[in-house]
Amino acid sequence: MASHVIQIIVCEDKRNGWWSAQCLQYDIATQARTLEGLIYEIQRVIMGQFVVSKELGGEPFVGIKPAPQIFWQIYDDAKTHVKREPVPFSGPHGPHAPIHSDYRLAEMCPA
């Protein structure tokens, strides 16, 4: 089974206090009120996509384009890594789906 490495940028919108996450390899994003909630949400969305694809007999993430180039540049500029717990979700392949994430903290959220 192929392993999926997903790079993710996270940032806090200082205007409203919400946190945002944007995956790079796949244009998947989400928001939450706290950083902990955000990590949970992005993992939930990624695992959900993975599980549904597998249940339907397909490959995960097929047809999802990469994030726009601006997010790749923000990721490259971000130097702070965000520590996170392992994915707390189980799927048809057990609790440890072959998904590895690298989170980086962006200085500012893109407008």
Protein backbone atom coordinates (compact mmCIF):
# COMPACT_ATOMS: atom_id res chain seq x y z
CA MET A 1 0.00 0.00 0.00
CA ALA A 2 1.38 3.39 -0.99
CA SER A 3 2.28 5.86 1.70
CA HIS A 4 0.97 9.41 1.42
CA VAL A 5 3.08 12.30 2.67
CA ILE A 6 1.07 15.46 3.12
CA GLN A 7 2.60 18.83 3.86
CA ILE A 8 0.27 21.19 5.72
CA ILE A 9 0.50 24.84 6.66
CA VAL A 10 -1.35 26.14 9.69
CA CYS A 11 -1.94 29.72 10.69
CA GLU A 12 -3.98 31.79 13.11
CA ASP A 13 -6.12 34.58 11.70
CA LYS A 14 -5.42 37.38 14.18
CA ARG A 15 -8.59 39.21 13.10
CA ASN A 16 -11.00 36.54 14.33
CA GLY A 17 -8.88 34.07 16.30
CA TRP A 18 -9.68 31.09 14.06
CA TRP A 19 -6.98 28.65 12.97
CA SER A 20 -6.72 27.43 9.36
CA ALA A 21 -4.97 24.45 7.77
CA GLN A 22 -4.17 23.96 4.09
CA CYS A 23 -2.75 20.74 2.62
CA LEU A 24 -0.34 21.22 -0.26
CA GLN A 25 -0.38 17.99 -2.25
CA TYR A 26 -4.19 18.01 -2.22
CA ASP A 27 -6.31 21.17 -2.09
CA ILE A 28 -7.92 20.27 1.22
CA ALA A 29 -8.45 22.87 3.93
CA THR A 30 -10.35 23.36 7.17
CA GLN A 31 -10.69 25.73 10.14
CA ALA A 32 -11.18 25.47 13.89
CA ARG A 33 -11.25 27.73 16.96
CA THR A 34 -8.08 26.24 18.52
CA LEU A 35 -4.83 24.76 17.22
CA GLU A 36 -5.66 21.43 18.87
CA GLY A 37 -9.09 21.48 17.25
CA LEU A 38 -7.52 22.31 13.90
CA ILE A 39 -5.12 19.38 14.02
CA TYR A 40 -8.05 17.11 14.88
CA GLU A 41 -10.16 18.53 12.03
CA ILE A 42 -7.53 18.28 9.31
CA GLN A 43 -6.73 14.73 10.35
CA ARG A 44 -10.45 13.90 10.36
CA VAL A 45 -10.93 15.32 6.85
CA ILE A 46 -7.84 13.56 5.46
CA MET A 47 -8.73 10.23 7.08
CA GLY A 48 -12.34 10.57 5.90
CA GLN A 49 -11.19 11.07 2.31
CA PHE A 50 -8.84 8.11 2.64
CA VAL A 51 -11.47 5.78 4.13
CA VAL A 52 -14.26 6.70 1.70
CA SER A 53 -11.95 6.22 -1.30
CA LYS A 54 -10.86 2.81 -0.06
CA GLU A 55 -14.44 1.75 0.75
CA LEU A 56 -15.46 2.67 -2.82
CA GLY A 57 -12.54 0.68 -4.24
CA GLY A 58 -10.56 3.68 -5.40
CA GLU A 59 -7.24 5.27 -4.62
CA PRO A 60 -7.22 8.05 -2.01
CA PHE A 61 -7.04 11.65 -3.20
CA VAL A 62 -7.55 10.87 -6.91
CA GLY A 63 -8.93 13.93 -8.66
CA ILE A 64 -8.00 16.40 -5.92
CA LYS A 65 -5.65 19.00 -7.36
CA PRO A 66 -2.69 20.45 -5.45
CA ALA A 67 -3.15 23.65 -3.49
CA PRO A 68 -2.50 26.93 -5.31
CA GLN A 69 1.17 27.93 -5.61
CA ILE A 70 0.90 30.70 -2.97
CA PHE A 71 0.47 28.03 -0.27
CA TRP A 72 3.61 26.19 -1.41
CA GLN A 73 5.61 29.41 -1.06
CA ILE A 74 4.15 30.05 2.41
CA TYR A 75 5.11 26.50 3.42
CA ASP A 76 8.67 26.94 2.13
CA ASP A 77 9.00 30.22 4.06
CA ALA A 78 7.64 28.73 7.30
CA LYS A 79 10.39 27.48 9.59
CA THR A 80 8.39 26.45 12.67
CA HIS A 81 7.19 22.86 12.76
CA VAL A 82 3.99 22.06 14.65
CA LYS A 83 4.14 18.97 16.84
CA ARG A 84 1.04 16.82 16.66
CA GLU A 85 -0.31 13.57 17.97
CA PRO A 86 -0.80 10.56 15.69
CA VAL A 87 -4.03 10.42 13.69
CA PRO A 88 -6.76 9.43 16.19
CA PHE A 89 -9.01 7.80 13.58
CA SER A 90 -9.34 4.20 12.50
CA GLY A 91 -10.18 3.03 9.03
CA PRO A 92 -10.51 -0.21 7.09
CA HIS A 93 -6.73 -0.68 7.31
CA GLY A 94 -6.53 -0.26 11.07
CA PRO A 95 -5.70 2.77 13.16
CA HIS A 96 -2.51 3.59 11.28
CA ALA A 97 -3.31 4.46 7.68
CA PRO A 98 -0.20 5.17 5.59
CA ILE A 99 -0.54 8.94 5.87
CA HIS A 100 2.30 11.05 7.20
CA SER A 101 1.92 14.79 7.75
CA ASP A 102 4.41 17.60 8.17
CA TYR A 103 2.84 20.69 9.72
CA ARG A 104 4.44 24.13 9.53
CA LEU A 105 3.27 27.31 11.18
CA ALA A 106 2.82 30.24 8.76
CA GLU A 107 3.52 33.77 9.95
CA MET A 108 0.31 35.08 8.39
CA CYS A 109 -2.77 33.57 6.84
CA PRO A 110 -3.16 34.34 3.16
CA ALA A 111 -5.97 36.78 2.44
